[in-house]
Protein backbone atom coordinates (compact mmCIF):
# COMPACT_ATOMS: atom_id res chain seq x y z
CA LYS A 1 79.16 233.37 -8.10
CA ASN A 2 78.66 229.92 -7.42
CA ILE A 3 81.42 227.58 -6.49
CA ASP A 4 82.10 226.35 -9.99
CA GLU A 5 82.33 229.79 -11.43
CA TRP A 6 84.74 230.77 -8.68
CA ILE A 7 86.80 227.98 -9.43
CA ASP A 8 87.19 229.10 -13.22
CA ALA A 9 88.01 232.63 -11.79
CA VAL A 10 90.79 231.28 -9.88
CA ARG A 11 92.28 229.23 -12.39
CA LEU A 12 92.34 232.00 -14.72
CA CYS A 13 93.89 234.48 -12.41
CA TYR A 14 96.52 231.69 -11.42
CA THR A 15 97.36 230.98 -15.08
CA HIS A 16 98.14 234.86 -15.77
CA ASN A 17 99.67 235.48 -12.22
CA SER A 18 103.25 236.09 -13.47
CA ARG A 19 101.92 238.93 -15.90
CA PHE A 20 99.58 240.45 -13.59
CA ALA A 21 102.18 240.46 -10.72
CA ARG A 22 104.64 242.18 -12.64
CA ILE A 23 102.12 244.96 -13.50
CA LEU A 24 100.09 245.32 -10.22
CA SER A 25 102.69 243.91 -7.71
CA SER A 26 101.33 243.84 -4.23
CA ASP A 27 97.72 244.91 -5.06
CA TRP A 28 97.66 241.75 -7.29
CA LEU A 29 99.13 239.45 -4.34
CA ALA A 30 96.56 241.08 -2.18
CA PHE A 31 93.65 240.28 -4.66
CA LEU A 32 94.92 236.59 -5.03
CA ASN A 33 94.93 236.28 -1.17
CA ALA A 34 91.40 237.42 -0.71
CA LEU A 35 90.35 235.28 -3.67
CA ALA A 36 91.87 232.01 -2.06
CA PHE A 37 89.34 232.83 0.94
CA SER A 38 86.25 233.49 -1.00
CA PRO A 39 83.35 232.25 -1.32
CA LYS A 40 83.06 230.71 2.43
CA CYS A 41 82.20 227.17 1.89
CA THR A 42 82.25 226.01 5.41
CA GLY A 43 78.69 225.37 6.65
CA ILE A 44 77.48 225.36 3.14
CA VAL A 45 79.23 221.87 2.02
CA GLU A 46 79.34 218.89 3.78
CA PRO A 47 82.43 217.87 6.16
CA LEU A 48 84.52 215.31 4.08
CA THR A 49 83.98 212.89 7.11
CA GLY A 50 80.44 213.07 6.83
CA VAL A 51 80.59 212.26 3.05
CA LEU A 52 82.75 209.31 3.73
CA GLU A 53 80.47 207.96 6.32
CA LYS A 54 77.62 207.52 3.76
CA GLN A 55 79.95 206.06 1.22
CA THR A 56 81.33 202.81 2.97
CA SER A 57 80.23 200.55 0.16
CA MET A 58 82.49 202.43 -2.37
CA GLN A 59 86.21 201.84 -3.43
CA TRP A 60 87.81 204.90 -1.83
CA VAL A 61 90.55 206.59 -3.74
CA CYS A 62 92.53 209.53 -1.64
CA VAL A 63 94.39 211.92 -4.12
CA ASP A 64 96.89 213.77 -1.79
CA GLY A 65 96.40 217.47 -2.42
CA LEU A 66 93.79 217.32 -5.27
CA GLY A 67 92.50 220.93 -4.89
CA MET A 68 89.24 222.18 -6.64
CA ILE A 69 91.27 223.97 -9.02
CA VAL A 70 92.60 220.77 -10.62
CA LEU A 71 89.18 219.05 -10.79
CA LYS A 72 89.06 219.45 -14.51
CA GLU A 73 92.29 217.50 -14.87
CA ALA A 74 91.13 214.73 -12.44
CA LEU A 75 87.92 214.56 -14.47
CA ASP A 76 89.65 214.05 -17.65
CA ALA A 77 92.14 211.60 -16.45
CA ALA A 78 89.08 209.55 -14.70
CA ARG A 79 86.89 209.36 -17.92
CA LYS A 80 89.88 208.37 -19.88
CA CYS A 81 91.33 205.56 -17.40
CA PHE A 82 88.08 204.34 -15.67
CA SER A 83 86.21 203.17 -18.57
CA ALA A 84 84.37 200.56 -16.90
CA TRP A 85 82.83 203.24 -14.64
CA ASP A 86 80.65 206.26 -15.30
CA VAL A 87 80.95 209.72 -13.51
CA SER A 88 77.81 209.89 -11.67
CA SER A 89 78.26 212.92 -9.62
CA VAL A 90 80.69 215.74 -8.54
CA CYS A 91 80.34 217.48 -5.20
CA TYR A 92 82.54 219.60 -2.51
CA ALA A 93 83.28 218.84 1.04
CA THR A 94 85.27 220.74 3.68
CA VAL A 95 88.15 219.47 5.69
CA SER A 96 89.72 220.37 9.04
CA THR A 97 92.75 222.62 9.56
CA PRO A 98 95.57 222.62 9.60
CA THR A 99 95.05 221.20 5.87
CA GLU A 100 97.64 218.54 6.17
CA THR A 101 97.49 214.72 5.39
CA ASP A 102 98.25 213.91 9.17
CA ARG A 103 95.27 216.11 10.04
CA PHE A 104 92.91 213.88 7.71
CA TYR A 105 94.46 210.67 9.15
CA LEU A 106 93.66 212.11 12.58
CA ASP A 107 89.91 212.85 11.57
CA ILE A 108 89.14 209.31 10.13
CA THR A 109 90.91 207.67 13.13
CA ASN A 110 88.85 209.71 15.44
CA ARG A 111 85.51 208.89 13.62
CA GLY A 112 86.65 205.14 13.99
CA TYR A 113 86.83 204.47 10.17
CA GLU A 114 88.44 201.28 9.15
CA HIS A 115 87.83 201.49 5.40
CA ALA A 116 90.82 200.67 3.22
CA PHE A 117 91.70 203.20 0.61
CA GLU A 118 94.12 203.65 -2.13
CA LYS A 119 96.35 206.66 -1.94
CA ILE A 120 98.03 208.92 -4.76
CA ASN A 121 101.01 211.14 -3.75
CA GLY A 122 101.74 212.50 -6.88
CA VAL A 123 99.96 215.71 -7.21
CA ASP A 124 100.83 216.74 -3.70
CA GLU A 125 104.59 216.15 -4.73
CA LEU A 126 104.02 218.47 -7.43
CA LEU A 127 102.60 221.32 -5.28
CA HIS A 128 106.04 221.38 -3.46
CA THR A 129 108.19 221.56 -6.67
CA GLU A 130 106.34 223.53 -9.31
CA HIS A 131 105.98 227.05 -9.39
CA GLY A 132 103.93 227.71 -12.45
CA PHE A 133 100.29 227.00 -12.50
CA VAL A 134 100.07 225.99 -16.15
CA SER A 135 103.06 223.50 -15.80
CA LEU A 136 101.53 222.14 -12.37
CA LEU A 137 98.04 221.42 -14.43
CA ALA A 138 99.64 219.57 -17.17
CA LYS A 139 102.12 217.45 -14.92
CA ALA A 140 99.13 216.74 -12.60
CA ASN A 141 97.19 215.40 -15.60
CA GLY A 142 99.97 213.23 -16.41
CA VAL A 143 100.21 211.80 -12.87
CA LEU A 144 96.62 211.33 -12.50
CA LEU A 145 96.54 209.55 -15.86
CA ALA A 146 99.22 207.14 -14.89
CA ALA A 147 97.70 206.59 -11.23
CA PHE A 148 94.31 206.06 -12.46
CA ASP A 149 95.26 203.54 -15.23
CA GLY A 150 96.78 201.40 -12.66
CA LEU A 151 93.94 201.44 -10.41
CA SER A 152 91.57 200.70 -13.17
CA ARG A 153 93.10 197.35 -13.39
CA LYS A 154 93.16 196.67 -9.56
CA LEU A 155 89.77 197.77 -8.55
CA ASP A 156 86.54 195.94 -8.46
CA PRO A 157 84.53 197.10 -11.67
CA SER A 158 81.38 195.83 -9.92
CA LYS A 159 81.51 198.59 -7.25
CA GLY A 160 81.48 202.10 -7.37
CA ILE A 161 84.50 204.27 -6.65
CA LEU A 162 84.70 207.41 -4.54
CA ILE A 163 87.88 209.98 -5.45
CA PHE A 164 88.50 212.81 -3.04
CA ALA A 165 91.17 214.69 -1.58
CA ASP A 166 92.63 215.24 2.06
CA HIS A 167 93.18 218.74 1.58
CA GLY A 168 93.29 221.45 -1.41
CA PHE A 169 95.98 224.09 -1.92
CA ARG A 170 96.48 227.79 -2.89
CA MET A 171 99.19 230.01 -4.45
CA LYS A 172 101.68 231.19 -1.93
CA GLU A 173 101.26 234.80 -0.83
CA ASP A 174 104.19 235.85 -2.70
CA GLY A 175 102.67 234.21 -5.83
CA ARG A 176 105.62 231.90 -6.20
CA GLY A 177 104.68 228.35 -5.92
CA PHE A 178 101.81 226.57 -3.88
CA THR A 179 101.03 225.83 -0.49
CA HIS A 180 98.68 224.14 1.97
CA GLY A 181 97.94 223.80 5.63
CA GLY A 182 96.19 226.88 6.23
CA PRO A 183 92.40 227.79 6.65
CA SER A 184 91.45 229.49 3.18
CA THR A 185 88.72 228.01 1.08
CA LEU A 186 90.68 226.71 -1.63
CA GLU A 187 92.73 224.50 1.11
CA ARG A 188 89.96 223.50 3.07
CA THR A 189 87.23 222.71 0.38
CA VAL A 190 87.78 219.54 -1.84
CA PRO A 191 86.26 217.65 -4.75
CA VAL A 192 84.45 214.36 -4.30
CA VAL A 193 83.98 212.43 -7.38
CA THR A 194 81.60 209.43 -7.84
CA LEU A 195 82.13 206.84 -10.09
CA SER A 196 79.30 204.21 -10.77
CA PRO A 197 79.71 200.79 -12.52
CA GLY A 198 79.01 201.18 -16.07
CA HIS A 199 75.95 199.45 -17.75
């Protein structure tokens, strides 16, 4: 399976987690844990720091905790709010462990990056309060719509936008809620969305 097919599989499993956890119990949780680590993307996709290094002419928007499994909601919000731009590419990048915001700051500081960026915290805040995946997606979409709408009036429409995350997230090992900080593929691989000025 390619990355996009795997993401769809994770979204489906997380959506029906409570049902299968009741039926399969520990076997289901072990399956979800293995799913979070596969496929291995390290060495296949580029490190985020390398991506950022090539995009210094872009306006950077870091969405804290925007995991790959929330990419659909981010793209929906971006297309609705950034009407002066077009989505020109979507790819993935890997981040360092521990998959925390402080580590992201350390990585870009060590690289000597002095590029300003906008940061959206609402998605990460949901990761620490929500327990169900469906409600997480719905609320994340609302957070992103509000944040992107505000940025659409602040950012320069003549310049491109690079939307990325400092880390992803996964379901906790007990299946109740979400977490980040670990080395799983879901936590270490993040989406990178490029928006180009519209014509």
